[in-house]
C-alpha atoms as a PDB file:
ATOM      1  CA  MET A   1       2.543  10.037 -59.886  1.00  0.00           C
ATOM      2  CA  GLU A   2       5.113   8.795 -57.201  1.00  0.00           C
ATOM      3  CA  THR A   3       3.944   7.283 -54.126  1.00  0.00           C
ATOM      4  CA  LYS A   4       6.168   7.906 -50.944  1.00  0.00           C
ATOM      5  CA  PRO A   5       7.539   4.824 -49.351  1.00  0.00           C
ATOM      6  CA  LYS A   6       5.906   4.070 -46.149  1.00  0.00           C
ATOM      7  CA  PRO A   7       8.011   5.162 -43.114  1.00  0.00           C
ATOM      8  CA  LYS A   8       9.519   2.381 -40.888  1.00  0.00           C
ATOM      9  CA  PRO A   9       7.253   1.819 -37.664  1.00  0.00           C
ATOM     10  CA  SER A  10       8.478   3.223 -34.543  1.00  0.00           C
ATOM     11  CA  ALA A  11       9.043   1.352 -31.252  1.00  0.00           C
ATOM     12  CA  ARG A  12       5.769   2.008 -29.993  1.00  0.00           C
ATOM     13  CA  GLU A  13       4.037   0.993 -33.089  1.00  0.00           C
ATOM     14  CA  LYS A  14       6.131  -2.356 -33.037  1.00  0.00           C
ATOM     15  CA  ALA A  15       5.177  -3.002 -29.244  1.00  0.00           C
ATOM     16  CA  GLU A  16       1.494  -2.410 -30.210  1.00  0.00           C
ATOM     17  CA  GLU A  17       1.456  -4.855 -32.927  1.00  0.00           C
ATOM     18  CA  PHE A  18       3.191  -7.462 -31.089  1.00  0.00           C
ATOM     19  CA  ALA A  19       0.745  -6.809 -28.090  1.00  0.00           C
ATOM     20  CA  ARG A  20      -2.229  -7.475 -30.441  1.00  0.00           C
ATOM     21  CA  ASN A  21      -0.719 -10.737 -31.645  1.00  0.00           C
ATOM     22  CA  VAL A  22      -0.049 -12.172 -27.975  1.00  0.00           C
ATOM     23  CA  PRO A  23      -2.587 -14.733 -26.891  1.00  0.00           C
ATOM     24  CA  LYS A  24      -4.605 -13.748 -23.973  1.00  0.00           C
ATOM     25  CA  PRO A  25      -4.484 -16.238 -20.940  1.00  0.00           C
ATOM     26  CA  LYS A  26      -7.416 -18.305 -20.321  1.00  0.00           C
ATOM     27  CA  LEU A  27      -9.025 -18.400 -16.911  1.00  0.00           C
ATOM     28  CA  SER A  28      -9.272 -21.799 -15.381  1.00  0.00           C
ATOM     29  CA  GLN A  29     -12.262 -21.029 -13.252  1.00  0.00           C
ATOM     30  CA  PRO A  30     -14.444 -18.066 -13.183  1.00  0.00           C
ATOM     31  CA  LEU A  31     -13.977 -15.536 -10.476  1.00  0.00           C
ATOM     32  CA  LYS A  32     -15.831 -15.657  -7.568  1.00  0.00           C
ATOM     33  CA  ALA A  33     -16.618 -13.031  -5.177  1.00  0.00           C
ATOM     34  CA  PRO A  34     -15.559 -13.814  -1.726  1.00  0.00           C
ATOM     35  CA  PRO A  35     -18.388 -14.844   0.649  1.00  0.00           C
ATOM     36  CA  ALA A  36     -19.545 -12.288   3.017  1.00  0.00           C
ATOM     37  CA  GLU A  37     -18.359 -12.575   6.544  1.00  0.00           C
ATOM     38  CA  ARG A  38     -20.912 -13.620   8.876  1.00  0.00           C
ATOM     39  CA  ARG A  39     -21.032 -12.086  12.070  1.00  0.00           C
ATOM     40  CA  PRO A  40     -23.448 -13.083  15.133  1.00  0.00           C
ATOM     41  CA  LYS A  41     -25.537  -9.989  16.153  1.00  0.00           C
ATOM     42  CA  GLU A  42     -24.166 -10.117  19.555  1.00  0.00           C
ATOM     43  CA  PRO A  43     -20.755 -11.500  20.566  1.00  0.00           C
ATOM     44  CA  PRO A  44     -20.550 -13.926  23.227  1.00  0.00           C
ATOM     45  CA  LEU A  45     -18.908 -12.632  26.611  1.00  0.00           C
ATOM     46  CA  ALA A  46     -15.808 -14.590  25.889  1.00  0.00           C
ATOM     47  CA  ASP A  47     -15.230 -12.812  22.731  1.00  0.00           C
ATOM     48  CA  ALA A  48     -16.221  -9.294  24.540  1.00  0.00           C
ATOM     49  CA  SER A  49     -13.225  -9.948  26.961  1.00  0.00           C
ATOM     50  CA  ALA A  50     -10.856 -11.097  24.329  1.00  0.00           C
ATOM     51  CA  GLU A  51     -11.878  -7.774  22.207  1.00  0.00           C
ATOM     52  CA  ALA A  52     -11.304  -5.834  25.328  1.00  0.00           C
ATOM     53  CA  GLU A  53      -7.823  -7.340  25.944  1.00  0.00           C
ATOM     54  CA  ARG A  54      -7.041  -6.514  22.285  1.00  0.00           C
ATOM     55  CA  ASP A  55      -8.173  -2.774  22.791  1.00  0.00           C
ATOM     56  CA  ARG A  56      -6.208  -2.482  25.798  1.00  0.00           C
ATOM     57  CA  ALA A  57      -3.061  -4.080  23.908  1.00  0.00           C
ATOM     58  CA  ASP A  58      -3.900  -1.590  20.962  1.00  0.00           C
ATOM     59  CA  MET A  59      -3.924   1.478  23.353  1.00  0.00           C
ATOM     60  CA  GLU A  60      -0.471   0.331  25.062  1.00  0.00           C
ATOM     61  CA  GLU A  61       0.838  -0.056  21.621  1.00  0.00           C
ATOM     62  CA  ILE A  62      -0.382   3.630  20.774  1.00  0.00           C
ATOM     63  CA  LYS A  63       1.116   5.135  23.887  1.00  0.00           C
ATOM     64  CA  ARG A  64       4.365   3.481  23.376  1.00  0.00           C
ATOM     65  CA  ARG A  65       4.488   4.923  19.686  1.00  0.00           C
ATOM     66  CA  GLU A  66       3.398   8.207  21.003  1.00  0.00           C
ATOM     67  CA  LYS A  67       6.319   8.372  23.555  1.00  0.00           C
ATOM     68  CA  GLN A  68       8.481   7.262  21.059  1.00  0.00           C
ATOM     69  CA  HIS A  69       7.363   9.908  18.647  1.00  0.00           C
ATOM     70  CA  ASN A  70       7.908  12.775  21.272  1.00  0.00           C
ATOM     71  CA  GLU A  71      11.252  11.499  22.001  1.00  0.00           C
ATOM     72  CA  ASP A  72      12.083  11.511  18.265  1.00  0.00           C
ATOM     73  CA  VAL A  73      10.815  15.126  17.997  1.00  0.00           C
ATOM     74  CA  LEU A  74      13.060  16.193  20.829  1.00  0.00           C
ATOM     75  CA  ARG A  75      15.974  14.599  19.158  1.00  0.00           C
ATOM     76  CA  VAL A  76      15.352  16.260  15.964  1.00  0.00           C
ATOM     77  CA  LYS A  77      14.948  19.686  17.717  1.00  0.00           C
ATOM     78  CA  ASP A  78      18.380  18.935  19.242  1.00  0.00           C
ATOM     79  CA  ILE A  79      20.103  18.152  15.980  1.00  0.00           C
ATOM     80  CA  LYS A  80      18.800  21.250  14.523  1.00  0.00           C
ATOM     81  CA  ASP A  81      19.820  23.291  17.432  1.00  0.00           C
ATOM     82  CA  PHE A  82      23.364  21.904  16.968  1.00  0.00           C
ATOM     83  CA  LEU A  83      23.457  22.334  13.279  1.00  0.00           C
ATOM     84  CA  SER A  84      22.360  26.006  13.441  1.00  0.00           C
ATOM     85  CA  GLN A  85      25.354  26.732  15.595  1.00  0.00           C
ATOM     86  CA  LEU A  86      27.862  25.383  12.940  1.00  0.00           C
ATOM     87  CA  PRO A  87      29.527  28.134  10.774  1.00  0.00           C
ATOM     88  CA  HIS A  88      27.880  28.128   7.184  1.00  0.00           C
END
């Protein structure tokens, strides 16, 4: 009885064999979960005014971006109208 020669390993098989033989890195320190953020139950008044100022600044930024978006929508409409007038 003749035995068939073993086929050449594929690129995938070679890669898997290589990966099995690569030494795994050792962690120098065990991973720790970050400490939970501690917040006071009621923020002091100074923090409340600072938070209100941040909220106001955020609203201004949202309004600015919304205005820019609306202007961009109008520009897109103008471009589409112009392109629809061009001969095909």
